[in-house]
Amino acid sequence: QVRLVESGGGLVQPGGSLRLSCAASGSGFRDAPVTWYRQGPEKQRELVAEISSNGYTQYSDSVKGRFTISRDDAKNTVYLQMNALKPEDTAMYYCYLFANWGQGTQVTVSS
């Protein structure tokens, strides 16, 4: 069983930055891809970014060039650095690993 805990969300002005963290407990972390999803108000959950076990990254078109996903296998943690935030980035952000979801962390971009 894998437990995921997201943190780092908050309220930020447009153009600002946040770094989200996803800390995983349990075994097998370093052998698995980890994905960040988000779900905005009255929207479907969408993939934001994914990082493979060897560090290959993928991003949705809406965040490419602004967000960076990274992982620290020694800490069993994946990060999502979010820059140049826009109001449309407002959402609950979740990480996903081995068919497990975290509880999410809220990001609100507003002036």
Foldseek 3Di string as FASTA:
>chain_A
DKAKAKDWADEAAAQAKIKMKIAIDDPDLLQAKKWKWWDAVPGDIDTAKIAHSVGDIDGDPVQPPFWDWDDDVVRNMIMIIGGRDDQVVFTWMWMDIPNDIYPTHTHGYHD
